[in-house]
């Protein structure tokens, strides 16, 4: 495993989980492109979209990407991590597991992610993210 990329990925994901906008900016390229299947069927470009969500969640005391309406303890785990590094470019693909402690028990949500990173001026930056469901979604849209 490429420890440098692994450590960078954990730092990046922790910034998102903690709604830490400055840390997110430090690990993400301004020209970020991404697909988040549960948000919109369209590509999202740039940082402002996520900065807004992270700041709103921080104000509410909730975690980024959670639909829980109150503050709840959460954690993330990475399953089936594969890191492919090609010089100053790397791809990390994995299943992200987000566990949330709720009054009635722990809920675990998961989805597959690929994050593309490039080294820019000596610093790794996420430049593209693609997420897909971790359940057998239908091949065609429902009628």
C-alpha atoms as a PDB file:
ATOM      1  CA  UNK A   1       0.000   0.000   0.000  1.00  0.00           C
ATOM      2  CA  UNK A   2       1.179   3.527  -0.724  1.00  0.00           C
ATOM      3  CA  UNK A   3       1.273   5.007   2.794  1.00  0.00           C
ATOM      4  CA  UNK A   4       1.663   8.614   1.578  1.00  0.00           C
ATOM      5  CA  UNK A   5      -1.565   8.437  -0.449  1.00  0.00           C
ATOM      6  CA  UNK A   6      -3.370   6.520   2.304  1.00  0.00           C
ATOM      7  CA  UNK A   7      -2.462   9.142   4.924  1.00  0.00           C
ATOM      8  CA  UNK A   8      -3.468  11.959   2.567  1.00  0.00           C
ATOM      9  CA  UNK A   9      -6.818  10.290   1.844  1.00  0.00           C
ATOM     10  CA  UNK A  10      -7.572   9.927   5.554  1.00  0.00           C
ATOM     11  CA  UNK A  11      -6.706  13.605   6.129  1.00  0.00           C
ATOM     12  CA  UNK A  12      -9.005  14.640   3.265  1.00  0.00           C
ATOM     13  CA  UNK A  13     -11.924  12.475   4.431  1.00  0.00           C
ATOM     14  CA  UNK A  14     -11.492  13.640   8.038  1.00  0.00           C
ATOM     15  CA  UNK A  15     -11.743  17.270   6.875  1.00  0.00           C
ATOM     16  CA  UNK A  16     -15.047  16.450   5.188  1.00  0.00           C
ATOM     17  CA  UNK A  17     -16.403  14.523   8.169  1.00  0.00           C
ATOM     18  CA  UNK A  18     -15.499  17.330  10.560  1.00  0.00           C
ATOM     19  CA  UNK A  19     -16.862  20.110   8.316  1.00  0.00           C
ATOM     20  CA  UNK A  20     -13.365  21.620   8.350  1.00  0.00           C
ATOM     21  CA  UNK A  21     -13.532  23.924   5.322  1.00  0.00           C
ATOM     22  CA  UNK A  22      -9.915  25.208   5.559  1.00  0.00           C
ATOM     23  CA  UNK A  23      -8.569  21.631   5.707  1.00  0.00           C
ATOM     24  CA  UNK A  24     -10.881  20.635   2.844  1.00  0.00           C
ATOM     25  CA  UNK A  25      -9.554  23.525   0.742  1.00  0.00           C
ATOM     26  CA  UNK A  26      -5.971  22.486   1.540  1.00  0.00           C
ATOM     27  CA  UNK A  27      -6.587  18.964   0.203  1.00  0.00           C
ATOM     28  CA  UNK A  28      -8.829  19.755  -2.772  1.00  0.00           C
ATOM     29  CA  UNK A  29      -8.049  21.438  -6.096  1.00  0.00           C
ATOM     30  CA  UNK A  30     -10.202  24.478  -6.958  1.00  0.00           C
ATOM     31  CA  UNK A  31     -11.043  22.833 -10.308  1.00  0.00           C
ATOM     32  CA  UNK A  32     -12.558  19.780  -8.547  1.00  0.00           C
ATOM     33  CA  UNK A  33     -15.138  17.813 -10.529  1.00  0.00           C
ATOM     34  CA  UNK A  34     -17.339  15.162  -8.990  1.00  0.00           C
ATOM     35  CA  UNK A  35     -20.371  12.953  -9.335  1.00  0.00           C
ATOM     36  CA  UNK A  36     -22.480  12.286  -6.260  1.00  0.00           C
ATOM     37  CA  UNK A  37     -25.282   9.957  -7.291  1.00  0.00           C
ATOM     38  CA  UNK A  38     -27.576  10.809  -4.372  1.00  0.00           C
ATOM     39  CA  UNK A  39     -27.248  14.587  -4.783  1.00  0.00           C
ATOM     40  CA  UNK A  40     -27.800  15.133  -8.502  1.00  0.00           C
ATOM     41  CA  UNK A  41     -27.409  13.157 -11.709  1.00  0.00           C
ATOM     42  CA  UNK A  42     -25.135  15.913 -13.009  1.00  0.00           C
ATOM     43  CA  UNK A  43     -21.448  16.687 -12.520  1.00  0.00           C
ATOM     44  CA  UNK A  44     -20.684  19.225  -9.776  1.00  0.00           C
ATOM     45  CA  UNK A  45     -17.749  21.572 -10.446  1.00  0.00           C
ATOM     46  CA  UNK A  46     -15.613  23.495  -7.970  1.00  0.00           C
ATOM     47  CA  UNK A  47     -15.504  23.894  -4.203  1.00  0.00           C
ATOM     48  CA  UNK A  48     -18.389  26.315  -3.403  1.00  0.00           C
ATOM     49  CA  UNK A  49     -21.075  23.578  -3.409  1.00  0.00           C
ATOM     50  CA  UNK A  50     -19.360  21.523  -0.721  1.00  0.00           C
ATOM     51  CA  UNK A  51     -18.150  24.533   1.234  1.00  0.00           C
ATOM     52  CA  UNK A  52     -21.774  25.669   1.567  1.00  0.00           C
ATOM     53  CA  UNK A  53     -22.900  22.216   2.722  1.00  0.00           C
ATOM     54  CA  UNK A  54     -20.046  21.865   5.190  1.00  0.00           C
ATOM     55  CA  UNK A  55     -20.598  25.326   6.674  1.00  0.00           C
ATOM     56  CA  UNK A  56     -24.366  24.703   6.987  1.00  0.00           C
ATOM     57  CA  UNK A  57     -23.745  21.346   8.662  1.00  0.00           C
ATOM     58  CA  UNK A  58     -21.197  22.875  11.035  1.00  0.00           C
ATOM     59  CA  UNK A  59     -23.778  25.519  12.011  1.00  0.00           C
ATOM     60  CA  UNK A  60     -26.356  22.762  12.698  1.00  0.00           C
ATOM     61  CA  UNK A  61     -23.813  20.573  14.475  1.00  0.00           C
ATOM     62  CA  UNK A  62     -24.298  17.722  12.019  1.00  0.00           C
ATOM     63  CA  UNK A  63     -21.967  15.714   9.843  1.00  0.00           C
ATOM     64  CA  UNK A  64     -21.463  16.304   6.122  1.00  0.00           C
ATOM     65  CA  UNK A  65     -23.504  13.875   4.046  1.00  0.00           C
ATOM     66  CA  UNK A  66     -25.763  12.838   6.912  1.00  0.00           C
ATOM     67  CA  UNK A  67     -29.533  13.125   6.863  1.00  0.00           C
ATOM     68  CA  UNK A  68     -29.657  13.015  10.663  1.00  0.00           C
ATOM     69  CA  UNK A  69     -31.367  16.179  11.936  1.00  0.00           C
ATOM     70  CA  UNK A  70     -29.443  16.319  15.234  1.00  0.00           C
ATOM     71  CA  UNK A  71     -25.854  15.958  16.347  1.00  0.00           C
ATOM     72  CA  UNK A  72     -24.906  12.315  16.450  1.00  0.00           C
ATOM     73  CA  UNK A  73     -21.608  10.524  16.893  1.00  0.00           C
ATOM     74  CA  UNK A  74     -20.275   9.310  13.554  1.00  0.00           C
ATOM     75  CA  UNK A  75     -17.234   7.565  12.162  1.00  0.00           C
ATOM     76  CA  UNK A  76     -16.044   6.509   8.755  1.00  0.00           C
ATOM     77  CA  UNK A  77     -14.220   3.405   7.640  1.00  0.00           C
ATOM     78  CA  UNK A  78     -12.668   2.511   4.313  1.00  0.00           C
ATOM     79  CA  UNK A  79     -13.242  -0.981   2.959  1.00  0.00           C
ATOM     80  CA  UNK A  80     -11.512  -2.676   0.018  1.00  0.00           C
ATOM     81  CA  UNK A  81      -9.072   0.189  -0.544  1.00  0.00           C
ATOM     82  CA  UNK A  82      -7.062   0.035  -3.760  1.00  0.00           C
ATOM     83  CA  UNK A  83      -4.442   2.715  -4.423  1.00  0.00           C
ATOM     84  CA  UNK A  84      -2.967   3.082  -7.902  1.00  0.00           C
ATOM     85  CA  UNK A  85      -0.108   5.568  -8.133  1.00  0.00           C
ATOM     86  CA  UNK A  86       1.452   6.826 -11.348  1.00  0.00           C
ATOM     87  CA  UNK A  87       4.139   9.367 -10.456  1.00  0.00           C
ATOM     88  CA  UNK A  88       2.382  12.575  -9.436  1.00  0.00           C
ATOM     89  CA  UNK A  89      -1.095  11.121 -10.016  1.00  0.00           C
ATOM     90  CA  UNK A  90      -2.979   8.575  -7.917  1.00  0.00           C
ATOM     91  CA  UNK A  91      -6.389   6.936  -7.790  1.00  0.00           C
ATOM     92  CA  UNK A  92      -7.936   5.584  -4.599  1.00  0.00           C
ATOM     93  CA  UNK A  93     -11.006   3.390  -4.973  1.00  0.00           C
ATOM     94  CA  UNK A  94     -12.867   1.928  -2.003  1.00  0.00           C
ATOM     95  CA  UNK A  95     -16.200   1.514  -0.259  1.00  0.00           C
ATOM     96  CA  UNK A  96     -16.852   4.249   2.296  1.00  0.00           C
ATOM     97  CA  UNK A  97     -18.794   3.159   5.367  1.00  0.00           C
ATOM     98  CA  UNK A  98     -20.307   5.931   7.498  1.00  0.00           C
ATOM     99  CA  UNK A  99     -21.631   4.762  10.872  1.00  0.00           C
ATOM    100  CA  UNK A 100     -23.977   7.003  12.865  1.00  0.00           C
ATOM    101  CA  UNK A 101     -25.013   6.373  16.475  1.00  0.00           C
ATOM    102  CA  UNK A 102     -28.762   6.980  16.751  1.00  0.00           C
ATOM    103  CA  UNK A 103     -31.078   6.600  19.763  1.00  0.00           C
ATOM    104  CA  UNK A 104     -32.471   3.339  18.324  1.00  0.00           C
ATOM    105  CA  UNK A 105     -29.063   1.918  17.293  1.00  0.00           C
ATOM    106  CA  UNK A 106     -26.201   2.398  14.867  1.00  0.00           C
ATOM    107  CA  UNK A 107     -26.975   3.015  11.201  1.00  0.00           C
ATOM    108  CA  UNK A 108     -24.319   2.295   8.583  1.00  0.00           C
ATOM    109  CA  UNK A 109     -24.538   3.885   5.142  1.00  0.00           C
ATOM    110  CA  UNK A 110     -22.160   2.950   2.372  1.00  0.00           C
ATOM    111  CA  UNK A 111     -21.251   3.853  -1.185  1.00  0.00           C
ATOM    112  CA  UNK A 112     -18.372   3.264  -3.553  1.00  0.00           C
ATOM    113  CA  UNK A 113     -15.906   6.068  -4.222  1.00  0.00           C
ATOM    114  CA  UNK A 114     -13.014   6.775  -6.534  1.00  0.00           C
ATOM    115  CA  UNK A 115     -10.847   9.803  -5.818  1.00  0.00           C
ATOM    116  CA  UNK A 116      -8.254  11.040  -8.277  1.00  0.00           C
ATOM    117  CA  UNK A 117      -5.357  13.008  -6.799  1.00  0.00           C
ATOM    118  CA  UNK A 118      -2.480  14.896  -8.337  1.00  0.00           C
ATOM    119  CA  UNK A 119       0.619  16.376  -6.749  1.00  0.00           C
ATOM    120  CA  UNK A 120       0.638  20.127  -7.366  1.00  0.00           C
ATOM    121  CA  UNK A 121       3.528  22.278  -6.147  1.00  0.00           C
ATOM    122  CA  UNK A 122       4.573  19.428  -3.849  1.00  0.00           C
ATOM    123  CA  UNK A 123       1.092  18.959  -2.302  1.00  0.00           C
ATOM    124  CA  UNK A 124      -1.484  16.263  -3.043  1.00  0.00           C
ATOM    125  CA  UNK A 125      -4.897  17.568  -4.126  1.00  0.00           C
ATOM    126  CA  UNK A 126      -8.119  15.735  -4.924  1.00  0.00           C
ATOM    127  CA  UNK A 127      -9.111  16.716  -8.481  1.00  0.00           C
ATOM    128  CA  UNK A 128     -12.001  14.337  -9.198  1.00  0.00           C
ATOM    129  CA  UNK A 129     -14.440  12.196  -7.196  1.00  0.00           C
ATOM    130  CA  UNK A 130     -16.934   9.655  -8.469  1.00  0.00           C
ATOM    131  CA  UNK A 131     -19.449   7.971  -6.155  1.00  0.00           C
ATOM    132  CA  UNK A 132     -21.846   5.165  -6.910  1.00  0.00           C
ATOM    133  CA  UNK A 133     -24.354   3.197  -4.840  1.00  0.00           C
ATOM    134  CA  UNK A 134     -23.154   0.184  -2.876  1.00  0.00           C
ATOM    135  CA  UNK A 135     -26.377  -1.659  -3.626  1.00  0.00           C
ATOM    136  CA  UNK A 136     -27.601  -3.184  -6.886  1.00  0.00           C
ATOM    137  CA  UNK A 137     -29.150  -0.110  -8.444  1.00  0.00           C
ATOM    138  CA  UNK A 138     -31.313  -0.730 -11.485  1.00  0.00           C
ATOM    139  CA  UNK A 139     -29.491  -0.463 -14.803  1.00  0.00           C
ATOM    140  CA  UNK A 140     -32.270   1.700 -16.225  1.00  0.00           C
ATOM    141  CA  UNK A 141     -34.215   4.466 -14.543  1.00  0.00           C
ATOM    142  CA  UNK A 142     -37.629   3.538 -13.095  1.00  0.00           C
ATOM    143  CA  UNK A 143     -40.597   4.305 -15.344  1.00  0.00           C
END
